[in-house]
């Protein structure tokens, strides 16, 4: 989207989901700029760690569903 690549994007819900691994500590400044750009386009960015997605998939899905059901929380 734009000059950025998102891990997952849902245009209908204006939602970007990012899955961060160990490289996140190296790309922190870039990630912040990318998040700010997505937000300036009207998108909400939800971030999860790789291990969260792999070890607590249900919890991640619940967090996404909670956002979709009540995006103001």
C-alpha atoms as a PDB file:
ATOM      1  CA  UNK A   1       0.000   0.000   0.000  1.00  0.00           C
ATOM      2  CA  UNK A   2       1.666   3.164  -1.109  1.00  0.00           C
ATOM      3  CA  UNK A   3       5.389   2.522  -0.851  1.00  0.00           C
ATOM      4  CA  UNK A   4       4.897   0.109   2.051  1.00  0.00           C
ATOM      5  CA  UNK A   5       4.169  -3.594   2.331  1.00  0.00           C
ATOM      6  CA  UNK A   6       1.820  -4.807   5.050  1.00  0.00           C
ATOM      7  CA  UNK A   7       1.742  -8.359   6.366  1.00  0.00           C
ATOM      8  CA  UNK A   8      -2.054  -8.407   6.161  1.00  0.00           C
ATOM      9  CA  UNK A   9      -4.493  -5.717   5.127  1.00  0.00           C
ATOM     10  CA  UNK A  10      -8.281  -5.500   5.054  1.00  0.00           C
ATOM     11  CA  UNK A  11      -9.394  -2.480   3.052  1.00  0.00           C
ATOM     12  CA  UNK A  12     -13.040  -2.982   3.998  1.00  0.00           C
ATOM     13  CA  UNK A  13     -12.242  -2.578   7.703  1.00  0.00           C
ATOM     14  CA  UNK A  14      -9.302  -0.162   7.265  1.00  0.00           C
ATOM     15  CA  UNK A  15      -7.161  -2.600   9.206  1.00  0.00           C
ATOM     16  CA  UNK A  16      -3.497  -3.494   8.870  1.00  0.00           C
ATOM     17  CA  UNK A  17      -2.107  -6.432  10.832  1.00  0.00           C
ATOM     18  CA  UNK A  18       1.634  -6.621  11.323  1.00  0.00           C
ATOM     19  CA  UNK A  19       3.464  -9.688  12.610  1.00  0.00           C
ATOM     20  CA  UNK A  20       6.817  -8.749  14.107  1.00  0.00           C
ATOM     21  CA  UNK A  21       9.810 -11.012  14.501  1.00  0.00           C
ATOM     22  CA  UNK A  22      13.277 -10.520  15.905  1.00  0.00           C
ATOM     23  CA  UNK A  23      14.173  -8.048  13.153  1.00  0.00           C
ATOM     24  CA  UNK A  24      11.711  -5.578  14.686  1.00  0.00           C
ATOM     25  CA  UNK A  25      14.371  -4.189  17.018  1.00  0.00           C
ATOM     26  CA  UNK A  26      16.505  -3.327  13.978  1.00  0.00           C
ATOM     27  CA  UNK A  27      13.644  -1.855  11.927  1.00  0.00           C
ATOM     28  CA  UNK A  28      11.863  -0.029  14.761  1.00  0.00           C
ATOM     29  CA  UNK A  29      12.234   3.467  13.236  1.00  0.00           C
ATOM     30  CA  UNK A  30      11.055   2.243   9.818  1.00  0.00           C
ATOM     31  CA  UNK A  31       8.131   0.381  11.415  1.00  0.00           C
ATOM     32  CA  UNK A  32       7.052   3.554  13.254  1.00  0.00           C
ATOM     33  CA  UNK A  33       7.160   5.575  10.027  1.00  0.00           C
ATOM     34  CA  UNK A  34       5.166   2.889   8.214  1.00  0.00           C
ATOM     35  CA  UNK A  35       2.579   2.740  11.016  1.00  0.00           C
ATOM     36  CA  UNK A  36       2.224   6.531  10.971  1.00  0.00           C
ATOM     37  CA  UNK A  37       1.702   6.461   7.209  1.00  0.00           C
ATOM     38  CA  UNK A  38      -0.961   3.724   7.413  1.00  0.00           C
ATOM     39  CA  UNK A  39      -2.720   5.670  10.173  1.00  0.00           C
ATOM     40  CA  UNK A  40      -2.583   8.861   8.104  1.00  0.00           C
ATOM     41  CA  UNK A  41      -4.462   6.932   5.408  1.00  0.00           C
ATOM     42  CA  UNK A  42      -7.226   6.054   7.897  1.00  0.00           C
ATOM     43  CA  UNK A  43      -6.028   2.556   8.824  1.00  0.00           C
ATOM     44  CA  UNK A  44      -5.586   1.064  12.270  1.00  0.00           C
ATOM     45  CA  UNK A  45      -2.460  -1.050  12.739  1.00  0.00           C
ATOM     46  CA  UNK A  46      -2.574  -4.047  15.065  1.00  0.00           C
ATOM     47  CA  UNK A  47       0.806  -5.587  15.895  1.00  0.00           C
ATOM     48  CA  UNK A  48       1.533  -9.066  17.136  1.00  0.00           C
ATOM     49  CA  UNK A  49       4.790 -10.900  17.776  1.00  0.00           C
ATOM     50  CA  UNK A  50       5.588 -13.999  15.698  1.00  0.00           C
ATOM     51  CA  UNK A  51       5.581 -16.181  18.799  1.00  0.00           C
ATOM     52  CA  UNK A  52       2.133 -14.839  19.768  1.00  0.00           C
ATOM     53  CA  UNK A  53       0.737 -15.861  16.402  1.00  0.00           C
ATOM     54  CA  UNK A  54       2.371 -19.290  16.584  1.00  0.00           C
ATOM     55  CA  UNK A  55       1.815 -20.066  20.265  1.00  0.00           C
ATOM     56  CA  UNK A  56      -1.425 -18.207  20.990  1.00  0.00           C
ATOM     57  CA  UNK A  57      -3.230 -18.130  17.665  1.00  0.00           C
ATOM     58  CA  UNK A  58      -6.636 -18.181  19.323  1.00  0.00           C
ATOM     59  CA  UNK A  59      -5.746 -15.196  21.491  1.00  0.00           C
ATOM     60  CA  UNK A  60      -4.545 -13.243  18.449  1.00  0.00           C
ATOM     61  CA  UNK A  61      -7.749 -14.074  16.578  1.00  0.00           C
ATOM     62  CA  UNK A  62      -9.816 -12.986  19.579  1.00  0.00           C
ATOM     63  CA  UNK A  63      -7.921  -9.676  19.724  1.00  0.00           C
ATOM     64  CA  UNK A  64      -8.601  -9.084  16.026  1.00  0.00           C
ATOM     65  CA  UNK A  65     -12.279 -10.042  16.417  1.00  0.00           C
ATOM     66  CA  UNK A  66     -12.602  -7.727  19.443  1.00  0.00           C
ATOM     67  CA  UNK A  67     -11.191  -4.855  17.405  1.00  0.00           C
ATOM     68  CA  UNK A  68     -13.538  -5.583  14.501  1.00  0.00           C
ATOM     69  CA  UNK A  69     -16.527  -5.718  16.843  1.00  0.00           C
ATOM     70  CA  UNK A  70     -15.563  -2.585  18.774  1.00  0.00           C
ATOM     71  CA  UNK A  71     -12.758  -0.620  17.081  1.00  0.00           C
ATOM     72  CA  UNK A  72     -12.776   2.132  19.698  1.00  0.00           C
ATOM     73  CA  UNK A  73     -11.365  -0.089  22.438  1.00  0.00           C
END
